[in-house]
N, C-alpha and C. Protein backbone atom coordinates (compact mmCIF):
# COMPACT_ATOMS: atom_id res chain seq x y z
N MET A 1 0.85 -1.17 0.00
CA MET A 1 0.00 0.00 0.00
C MET A 1 0.90 1.23 0.00
N SER A 2 0.69 2.11 -0.95
CA SER A 2 1.55 3.28 -1.06
C SER A 2 0.85 4.56 -0.64
N ASP A 3 -0.43 4.49 -0.37
CA ASP A 3 -1.16 5.70 0.04
C ASP A 3 -1.19 5.79 1.56
N TYR A 4 -0.84 6.95 2.07
CA TYR A 4 -0.89 7.21 3.50
C TYR A 4 -1.95 8.26 3.74
N TYR A 5 -2.62 8.18 4.86
CA TYR A 5 -3.59 9.19 5.24
C TYR A 5 -3.43 9.47 6.71
N ASP A 6 -3.97 10.57 7.13
CA ASP A 6 -3.88 10.97 8.52
C ASP A 6 -4.80 10.10 9.36
N ALA A 7 -4.22 9.10 10.02
CA ALA A 7 -5.02 8.15 10.79
C ALA A 7 -5.74 8.80 11.96
N PHE A 8 -5.33 10.01 12.35
CA PHE A 8 -6.04 10.69 13.43
C PHE A 8 -7.47 11.01 13.02
N GLU A 9 -7.78 10.94 11.73
CA GLU A 9 -9.15 11.19 11.28
C GLU A 9 -10.12 10.13 11.78
N ILE A 10 -9.64 8.90 12.00
CA ILE A 10 -10.54 7.83 12.44
C ILE A 10 -10.31 7.42 13.88
N SER A 11 -9.35 8.02 14.53
CA SER A 11 -9.00 7.63 15.89
C SER A 11 -9.59 8.60 16.91
N PRO A 12 -10.01 8.07 18.07
CA PRO A 12 -10.45 8.97 19.13
C PRO A 12 -9.28 9.64 19.85
N VAL A 13 -8.05 9.20 19.58
CA VAL A 13 -6.88 9.75 20.25
C VAL A 13 -6.58 11.14 19.68
N PRO A 14 -6.53 12.16 20.54
CA PRO A 14 -6.25 13.52 20.03
C PRO A 14 -4.80 13.68 19.65
N LEU A 15 -4.52 14.68 18.82
CA LEU A 15 -3.14 15.00 18.49
C LEU A 15 -2.40 15.34 19.77
N PRO A 16 -1.12 14.93 19.87
CA PRO A 16 -0.38 15.20 21.10
C PRO A 16 -0.10 16.68 21.28
N GLY A 17 0.06 17.06 22.53
CA GLY A 17 0.41 18.43 22.85
C GLY A 17 0.00 18.77 24.26
N PRO A 18 0.55 19.85 24.79
CA PRO A 18 0.24 20.22 26.17
C PRO A 18 -1.21 20.62 26.38
N ASP A 19 -1.90 20.99 25.31
CA ASP A 19 -3.30 21.40 25.43
C ASP A 19 -4.26 20.29 24.99
N ALA A 20 -3.75 19.08 24.75
CA ALA A 20 -4.61 17.97 24.31
C ALA A 20 -5.61 17.63 25.41
N THR A 21 -6.83 17.44 25.02
CA THR A 21 -7.86 17.04 25.99
C THR A 21 -8.42 15.69 25.58
N PRO A 22 -8.76 14.86 26.57
CA PRO A 22 -9.29 13.53 26.23
C PRO A 22 -10.69 13.65 25.63
N PRO A 23 -11.02 12.72 24.74
CA PRO A 23 -12.38 12.71 24.22
C PRO A 23 -13.35 12.26 25.31
N GLU A 24 -14.61 12.51 25.08
CA GLU A 24 -15.64 12.03 26.00
C GLU A 24 -15.63 10.51 26.03
N ILE A 25 -16.10 9.95 27.12
CA ILE A 25 -16.33 8.50 27.16
C ILE A 25 -17.35 8.20 26.07
N TYR A 26 -17.09 7.17 25.28
CA TYR A 26 -18.00 6.83 24.18
C TYR A 26 -18.96 5.75 24.64
N ARG A 27 -20.25 6.06 24.64
CA ARG A 27 -21.26 5.12 25.13
C ARG A 27 -22.09 4.51 24.02
N GLY A 28 -21.71 4.78 22.77
CA GLY A 28 -22.43 4.20 21.64
C GLY A 28 -22.15 2.71 21.50
N ILE A 29 -22.98 2.05 20.72
CA ILE A 29 -22.82 0.63 20.47
C ILE A 29 -22.24 0.47 19.06
N TYR A 30 -21.21 -0.34 18.94
CA TYR A 30 -20.58 -0.60 17.65
C TYR A 30 -20.03 -2.01 17.65
N GLY A 31 -19.72 -2.52 16.48
CA GLY A 31 -19.02 -3.80 16.38
C GLY A 31 -17.59 -3.57 16.84
N MET A 32 -17.20 -4.18 17.93
CA MET A 32 -15.88 -3.91 18.52
C MET A 32 -14.79 -4.53 17.66
N PRO A 33 -13.88 -3.70 17.11
CA PRO A 33 -12.80 -4.26 16.31
C PRO A 33 -11.76 -4.98 17.16
N MET A 34 -11.73 -4.69 18.45
CA MET A 34 -10.80 -5.34 19.37
C MET A 34 -11.30 -5.12 20.78
N TYR A 35 -11.15 -6.13 21.61
CA TYR A 35 -11.45 -5.99 23.02
C TYR A 35 -10.64 -7.03 23.76
N VAL A 36 -10.55 -6.86 25.06
CA VAL A 36 -9.83 -7.81 25.89
C VAL A 36 -10.79 -8.35 26.95
N THR A 37 -10.66 -9.63 27.26
CA THR A 37 -11.44 -10.25 28.32
C THR A 37 -10.50 -10.57 29.47
N VAL A 38 -10.87 -10.09 30.67
CA VAL A 38 -10.03 -10.27 31.85
C VAL A 38 -10.82 -11.06 32.89
N PRO A 39 -10.36 -12.27 33.24
CA PRO A 39 -11.04 -13.03 34.29
C PRO A 39 -10.70 -12.46 35.67
N THR A 40 -11.66 -12.50 36.58
CA THR A 40 -11.45 -11.97 37.92
C THR A 40 -12.21 -12.80 38.96
N PRO A 41 -11.59 -13.08 40.09
CA PRO A 41 -12.30 -13.79 41.15
C PRO A 41 -13.26 -12.89 41.93
N ASP A 42 -13.11 -11.55 41.79
CA ASP A 42 -13.98 -10.62 42.50
C ASP A 42 -14.43 -9.53 41.52
N LEU A 43 -15.54 -9.79 40.86
CA LEU A 43 -16.03 -8.90 39.80
C LEU A 43 -16.27 -7.48 40.33
N ALA A 44 -16.88 -7.35 41.49
CA ALA A 44 -17.18 -6.01 42.03
C ALA A 44 -15.90 -5.24 42.32
N ALA A 45 -14.90 -5.87 42.93
CA ALA A 45 -13.64 -5.19 43.23
C ALA A 45 -12.91 -4.80 41.95
N SER A 46 -12.96 -5.65 40.94
CA SER A 46 -12.31 -5.33 39.67
C SER A 46 -13.00 -4.17 38.98
N VAL A 47 -14.32 -4.17 38.96
CA VAL A 47 -15.05 -3.04 38.35
C VAL A 47 -14.68 -1.75 39.07
N ASP A 48 -14.61 -1.79 40.39
CA ASP A 48 -14.24 -0.60 41.17
C ASP A 48 -12.86 -0.09 40.78
N PHE A 49 -11.88 -0.98 40.67
CA PHE A 49 -10.52 -0.57 40.32
C PHE A 49 -10.46 0.01 38.90
N TRP A 50 -11.05 -0.68 37.95
CA TRP A 50 -10.99 -0.24 36.55
C TRP A 50 -11.73 1.09 36.36
N THR A 51 -12.82 1.30 37.09
CA THR A 51 -13.57 2.56 36.91
C THR A 51 -12.95 3.69 37.70
N ARG A 52 -12.67 3.50 38.98
CA ARG A 52 -12.11 4.58 39.79
C ARG A 52 -10.63 4.80 39.53
N GLY A 53 -9.88 3.74 39.21
CA GLY A 53 -8.45 3.88 39.00
C GLY A 53 -8.07 4.21 37.57
N LEU A 54 -8.60 3.46 36.62
CA LEU A 54 -8.20 3.61 35.23
C LEU A 54 -9.15 4.47 34.40
N GLY A 55 -10.25 4.91 34.97
CA GLY A 55 -11.12 5.85 34.28
C GLY A 55 -12.10 5.25 33.29
N PHE A 56 -12.38 3.96 33.41
CA PHE A 56 -13.39 3.33 32.55
C PHE A 56 -14.78 3.58 33.13
N VAL A 57 -15.80 3.35 32.33
CA VAL A 57 -17.18 3.37 32.80
C VAL A 57 -17.78 1.98 32.60
N ASP A 58 -18.75 1.66 33.41
CA ASP A 58 -19.50 0.42 33.28
C ASP A 58 -20.52 0.65 32.18
N LEU A 59 -20.22 0.17 30.97
CA LEU A 59 -21.14 0.35 29.85
C LEU A 59 -22.40 -0.47 30.07
N PHE A 60 -22.23 -1.72 30.47
CA PHE A 60 -23.36 -2.53 30.91
C PHE A 60 -22.86 -3.74 31.67
N THR A 61 -23.73 -4.27 32.50
CA THR A 61 -23.39 -5.44 33.32
C THR A 61 -24.50 -6.46 33.22
N VAL A 62 -24.13 -7.71 33.08
CA VAL A 62 -25.03 -8.83 33.27
C VAL A 62 -24.58 -9.42 34.60
N PRO A 63 -25.34 -9.19 35.68
CA PRO A 63 -24.89 -9.55 37.02
C PRO A 63 -24.35 -10.99 37.11
N GLY A 64 -23.15 -11.08 37.69
CA GLY A 64 -22.53 -12.38 37.90
C GLY A 64 -21.94 -13.00 36.65
N GLN A 65 -22.06 -12.34 35.47
CA GLN A 65 -21.59 -12.96 34.24
C GLN A 65 -20.55 -12.13 33.50
N VAL A 66 -20.80 -10.84 33.33
CA VAL A 66 -19.87 -10.00 32.58
C VAL A 66 -20.15 -8.54 32.90
N THR A 67 -19.09 -7.75 32.94
CA THR A 67 -19.21 -6.30 32.97
C THR A 67 -18.40 -5.78 31.79
N HIS A 68 -19.07 -5.01 30.94
CA HIS A 68 -18.43 -4.41 29.76
C HIS A 68 -18.01 -3.00 30.14
N LEU A 69 -16.69 -2.78 30.17
CA LEU A 69 -16.13 -1.47 30.52
C LEU A 69 -15.66 -0.77 29.25
N ARG A 70 -15.69 0.57 29.30
CA ARG A 70 -15.18 1.35 28.17
C ARG A 70 -14.63 2.67 28.65
N ARG A 71 -13.61 3.16 27.92
CA ARG A 71 -13.09 4.53 28.08
C ARG A 71 -13.47 5.28 26.82
N TRP A 72 -12.52 5.38 25.91
CA TRP A 72 -12.80 6.05 24.64
C TRP A 72 -13.34 5.01 23.65
N ALA A 73 -13.76 5.47 22.49
CA ALA A 73 -14.19 4.53 21.46
C ALA A 73 -13.06 3.55 21.19
N PHE A 74 -13.40 2.29 21.08
CA PHE A 74 -12.48 1.19 20.78
C PHE A 74 -11.56 0.83 21.94
N GLN A 75 -11.87 1.26 23.14
CA GLN A 75 -11.15 0.84 24.34
C GLN A 75 -12.13 0.07 25.22
N ASP A 76 -12.31 -1.20 24.89
CA ASP A 76 -13.30 -2.04 25.54
C ASP A 76 -12.63 -3.17 26.32
N VAL A 77 -13.14 -3.43 27.53
CA VAL A 77 -12.67 -4.51 28.39
C VAL A 77 -13.90 -5.24 28.91
N LEU A 78 -13.85 -6.57 28.82
CA LEU A 78 -14.91 -7.39 29.41
C LEU A 78 -14.33 -8.06 30.64
N LEU A 79 -14.89 -7.76 31.81
CA LEU A 79 -14.50 -8.46 33.04
C LEU A 79 -15.46 -9.61 33.23
N VAL A 80 -14.92 -10.80 33.45
CA VAL A 80 -15.75 -11.99 33.61
C VAL A 80 -15.30 -12.76 34.84
N PRO A 81 -16.23 -13.47 35.50
CA PRO A 81 -15.84 -14.28 36.66
C PRO A 81 -14.84 -15.36 36.24
N GLY A 82 -13.85 -15.57 37.07
CA GLY A 82 -12.85 -16.60 36.79
C GLY A 82 -11.67 -16.42 37.72
N ASP A 83 -10.71 -17.30 37.57
CA ASP A 83 -9.51 -17.22 38.39
C ASP A 83 -8.62 -16.10 37.89
N ALA A 84 -8.01 -15.38 38.82
CA ALA A 84 -7.04 -14.36 38.44
C ALA A 84 -5.83 -15.06 37.85
N MET A 85 -5.09 -14.35 37.03
CA MET A 85 -3.86 -14.90 36.50
C MET A 85 -2.90 -15.13 37.67
N PRO A 86 -2.19 -16.26 37.68
CA PRO A 86 -1.36 -16.58 38.84
C PRO A 86 -0.20 -15.60 39.04
N GLU A 87 0.30 -15.03 37.97
CA GLU A 87 1.38 -14.05 38.05
C GLU A 87 0.98 -12.88 37.17
N ILE A 88 1.77 -11.84 37.19
CA ILE A 88 1.49 -10.70 36.32
C ILE A 88 1.53 -11.18 34.88
N ALA A 89 0.54 -10.79 34.13
CA ALA A 89 0.45 -11.21 32.73
C ALA A 89 1.69 -10.77 31.97
N THR A 90 2.19 -11.67 31.12
CA THR A 90 3.35 -11.32 30.31
C THR A 90 2.94 -10.51 29.09
N VAL A 91 1.69 -10.61 28.69
CA VAL A 91 1.18 -9.80 27.59
C VAL A 91 0.48 -8.61 28.22
N GLY A 92 0.83 -7.42 27.76
CA GLY A 92 0.23 -6.21 28.31
C GLY A 92 -0.95 -5.75 27.50
N ILE A 93 -1.79 -4.99 28.14
CA ILE A 93 -2.93 -4.35 27.51
C ILE A 93 -2.61 -2.87 27.49
N GLY A 94 -2.68 -2.23 26.35
CA GLY A 94 -2.36 -0.82 26.26
C GLY A 94 -3.58 0.03 25.97
N PHE A 95 -3.67 1.17 26.65
CA PHE A 95 -4.74 2.13 26.43
C PHE A 95 -4.15 3.52 26.32
N SER A 96 -4.65 4.30 25.37
CA SER A 96 -4.19 5.68 25.21
C SER A 96 -4.87 6.60 26.20
N CYS A 97 -4.16 7.66 26.55
CA CYS A 97 -4.72 8.75 27.32
C CYS A 97 -4.01 10.01 26.83
N VAL A 98 -4.23 11.13 27.48
CA VAL A 98 -3.49 12.35 27.16
C VAL A 98 -2.60 12.68 28.35
N LEU A 99 -1.57 13.48 28.11
CA LEU A 99 -0.57 13.77 29.14
C LEU A 99 -1.18 14.26 30.44
N SER A 100 -2.24 15.07 30.35
CA SER A 100 -2.83 15.63 31.57
C SER A 100 -3.52 14.57 32.42
N GLN A 101 -3.73 13.35 31.91
CA GLN A 101 -4.38 12.29 32.67
C GLN A 101 -3.40 11.37 33.39
N VAL A 102 -2.14 11.38 33.00
CA VAL A 102 -1.16 10.41 33.51
C VAL A 102 -1.05 10.46 35.03
N ASP A 103 -0.79 11.64 35.58
CA ASP A 103 -0.60 11.74 37.03
C ASP A 103 -1.86 11.35 37.80
N GLU A 104 -3.03 11.69 37.28
CA GLU A 104 -4.28 11.34 37.95
C GLU A 104 -4.49 9.83 37.96
N ILE A 105 -4.15 9.15 36.87
CA ILE A 105 -4.28 7.69 36.83
C ILE A 105 -3.34 7.05 37.85
N VAL A 106 -2.11 7.54 37.93
CA VAL A 106 -1.15 7.02 38.92
C VAL A 106 -1.70 7.23 40.33
N ARG A 107 -2.19 8.43 40.63
CA ARG A 107 -2.71 8.73 41.95
C ARG A 107 -3.90 7.84 42.30
N ALA A 108 -4.87 7.75 41.38
CA ALA A 108 -6.09 6.99 41.65
C ALA A 108 -5.79 5.51 41.84
N CYS A 109 -4.98 4.94 40.97
CA CYS A 109 -4.65 3.51 41.08
C CYS A 109 -3.85 3.23 42.34
N SER A 110 -2.91 4.10 42.67
CA SER A 110 -2.08 3.91 43.87
C SER A 110 -2.89 4.02 45.15
N GLU A 111 -3.92 4.86 45.15
CA GLU A 111 -4.79 4.94 46.32
C GLU A 111 -5.59 3.66 46.49
N LEU A 112 -6.02 3.07 45.38
CA LEU A 112 -6.83 1.85 45.44
C LEU A 112 -5.98 0.63 45.77
N VAL A 113 -4.81 0.52 45.15
CA VAL A 113 -3.90 -0.60 45.38
C VAL A 113 -2.48 -0.05 45.45
N PRO A 114 -2.00 0.27 46.65
CA PRO A 114 -0.65 0.84 46.78
C PRO A 114 0.40 -0.07 46.13
N GLY A 115 1.31 0.57 45.40
CA GLY A 115 2.40 -0.16 44.76
C GLY A 115 2.07 -0.79 43.43
N CYS A 116 0.88 -0.53 42.90
CA CYS A 116 0.48 -1.20 41.66
C CYS A 116 0.96 -0.48 40.40
N THR A 117 1.59 0.69 40.53
CA THR A 117 2.02 1.44 39.35
C THR A 117 3.54 1.51 39.26
N THR A 118 4.02 1.59 38.04
CA THR A 118 5.43 1.84 37.75
C THR A 118 5.48 2.97 36.73
N GLY A 119 6.27 3.98 37.01
CA GLY A 119 6.35 5.13 36.11
C GLY A 119 5.64 6.30 36.73
N PRO A 120 5.43 7.31 35.95
CA PRO A 120 5.55 7.40 34.49
C PRO A 120 7.00 7.49 34.04
N ARG A 121 7.20 7.05 32.77
CA ARG A 121 8.52 7.13 32.15
C ARG A 121 8.35 7.57 30.70
N GLN A 122 9.35 8.27 30.21
CA GLN A 122 9.36 8.67 28.80
C GLN A 122 9.99 7.54 27.99
N THR A 123 9.38 7.27 26.84
CA THR A 123 9.87 6.19 25.99
C THR A 123 10.59 6.75 24.76
N PRO A 124 11.40 5.93 24.10
CA PRO A 124 12.05 6.36 22.87
C PRO A 124 11.06 6.56 21.71
N TRP A 125 9.85 6.04 21.83
CA TRP A 125 8.86 6.20 20.77
C TRP A 125 7.92 7.38 21.05
N ASN A 126 8.39 8.30 21.87
CA ASN A 126 7.75 9.61 22.06
C ASN A 126 6.45 9.57 22.85
N THR A 127 6.41 8.72 23.86
CA THR A 127 5.24 8.68 24.73
C THR A 127 5.69 8.77 26.19
N VAL A 128 4.72 8.98 27.05
CA VAL A 128 4.88 8.84 28.49
C VAL A 128 4.00 7.66 28.88
N GLU A 129 4.58 6.69 29.59
CA GLU A 129 3.83 5.49 29.93
C GLU A 129 3.84 5.21 31.42
N VAL A 130 2.75 4.63 31.88
CA VAL A 130 2.61 4.15 33.24
C VAL A 130 2.16 2.70 33.14
N GLU A 131 2.82 1.84 33.88
CA GLU A 131 2.38 0.44 33.95
C GLU A 131 1.58 0.26 35.23
N VAL A 132 0.43 -0.38 35.10
CA VAL A 132 -0.45 -0.65 36.24
C VAL A 132 -0.72 -2.15 36.28
N VAL A 133 -0.52 -2.76 37.43
CA VAL A 133 -0.89 -4.15 37.62
C VAL A 133 -2.23 -4.14 38.35
N THR A 134 -3.25 -4.67 37.69
CA THR A 134 -4.61 -4.63 38.24
C THR A 134 -4.81 -5.74 39.28
N PRO A 135 -5.92 -5.70 40.02
CA PRO A 135 -6.18 -6.75 41.01
C PRO A 135 -6.22 -8.15 40.41
N GLU A 136 -6.47 -8.27 39.10
CA GLU A 136 -6.52 -9.58 38.45
C GLU A 136 -5.15 -10.01 37.96
N ASN A 137 -4.13 -9.19 38.20
CA ASN A 137 -2.76 -9.39 37.74
C ASN A 137 -2.59 -9.12 36.25
N ALA A 138 -3.49 -8.35 35.67
CA ALA A 138 -3.31 -7.92 34.28
C ALA A 138 -2.30 -6.77 34.27
N ARG A 139 -1.45 -6.75 33.27
CA ARG A 139 -0.47 -5.67 33.10
C ARG A 139 -1.06 -4.68 32.10
N VAL A 140 -1.44 -3.51 32.60
CA VAL A 140 -2.05 -2.47 31.77
C VAL A 140 -1.03 -1.34 31.61
N VAL A 141 -0.77 -0.95 30.37
CA VAL A 141 0.10 0.18 30.09
C VAL A 141 -0.77 1.31 29.57
N VAL A 142 -0.75 2.42 30.30
CA VAL A 142 -1.49 3.61 29.88
C VAL A 142 -0.46 4.54 29.27
N THR A 143 -0.72 4.97 28.03
CA THR A 143 0.29 5.70 27.28
C THR A 143 -0.26 7.00 26.71
N ALA A 144 0.54 8.06 26.83
CA ALA A 144 0.16 9.37 26.30
C ALA A 144 1.25 9.84 25.34
N ALA A 145 0.83 10.31 24.18
CA ALA A 145 1.79 10.79 23.18
C ALA A 145 2.38 12.13 23.60
N ARG A 146 3.64 12.32 23.26
CA ARG A 146 4.31 13.60 23.44
C ARG A 146 4.49 14.23 22.07
N LEU A 147 4.65 15.53 22.03
CA LEU A 147 4.95 16.20 20.77
C LEU A 147 6.33 15.80 20.29
N PHE A 148 6.48 15.63 18.99
CA PHE A 148 7.80 15.39 18.43
C PHE A 148 8.56 16.69 18.36
N ASP A 149 9.81 16.66 18.74
CA ASP A 149 10.71 17.78 18.51
C ASP A 149 11.10 17.66 17.04
N PRO A 150 10.74 18.66 16.21
CA PRO A 150 11.01 18.53 14.77
C PRO A 150 12.47 18.29 14.43
N GLY A 151 13.39 18.70 15.29
CA GLY A 151 14.81 18.50 15.02
C GLY A 151 15.37 17.22 15.61
N SER A 152 14.53 16.42 16.27
CA SER A 152 15.03 15.22 16.95
C SER A 152 15.39 14.13 15.96
N ALA A 153 16.22 13.19 16.43
CA ALA A 153 16.61 12.05 15.60
C ALA A 153 15.38 11.23 15.21
N GLU A 154 14.42 11.10 16.14
CA GLU A 154 13.21 10.32 15.85
C GLU A 154 12.42 10.96 14.73
N ALA A 155 12.24 12.29 14.79
CA ALA A 155 11.49 13.00 13.76
C ALA A 155 12.19 12.89 12.40
N ARG A 156 13.49 13.06 12.41
CA ARG A 156 14.25 12.96 11.15
C ARG A 156 14.12 11.56 10.56
N TYR A 157 14.19 10.54 11.40
CA TYR A 157 14.06 9.16 10.94
C TYR A 157 12.70 8.94 10.30
N LEU A 158 11.63 9.36 10.98
CA LEU A 158 10.28 9.16 10.45
C LEU A 158 10.11 9.86 9.11
N GLU A 159 10.54 11.11 9.04
CA GLU A 159 10.39 11.86 7.79
C GLU A 159 11.23 11.26 6.68
N ALA A 160 12.43 10.76 6.99
CA ALA A 160 13.29 10.14 5.98
C ALA A 160 12.69 8.85 5.45
N ASN A 161 11.80 8.23 6.22
CA ASN A 161 11.18 6.97 5.80
C ASN A 161 9.75 7.15 5.33
N GLY A 162 9.39 8.38 4.97
CA GLY A 162 8.10 8.63 4.33
C GLY A 162 6.93 8.88 5.25
N TYR A 163 7.17 9.02 6.54
CA TYR A 163 6.08 9.30 7.46
C TYR A 163 5.97 10.79 7.70
N SER A 164 4.77 11.26 7.87
CA SER A 164 4.61 12.67 8.20
C SER A 164 4.27 12.79 9.67
N LEU A 165 4.82 13.82 10.29
CA LEU A 165 4.55 14.07 11.71
C LEU A 165 3.21 14.76 11.84
N PRO A 166 2.48 14.49 12.93
CA PRO A 166 1.21 15.20 13.14
C PRO A 166 1.44 16.70 13.16
N LYS A 167 0.57 17.41 12.47
CA LYS A 167 0.66 18.88 12.44
C LYS A 167 -0.23 19.45 13.51
N ARG A 168 0.27 20.46 14.21
CA ARG A 168 -0.50 21.12 15.26
C ARG A 168 -1.10 22.38 14.72
């Protein structure tokens, strides 16, 4: 495929920047292109952590069977009764946020489960990330984009390989 388009046109993730604001929680119904199912031995405690700590909403619940959580469009999690993972999951679940949300997520999750967060840290791929281990032992990475420095090695590499940087 040789045609590139601005993927931000179809994404709920806003362009990075200090003034970026998160989109509203999306409560519409759509065919989910991707979702994750997380088993939990305590559905109520897990719903509490994911909603109060990670900022999801309870889109709907079938009592004792499933709780469908959502943040932005296409950020769907199904919590289901089951055994927690015996150790921290080796596969992580990633969710986007904006820079202004990072510290609040760390604070909220740490209040609910002290010691469950690592970071925030800046990555070489131009994000700020926080790792959160949930009560079910799921490894959740919450990531916020940073602005590219137009003169940086990363920006030069992307442009030299045919990618365009988001315009502000």
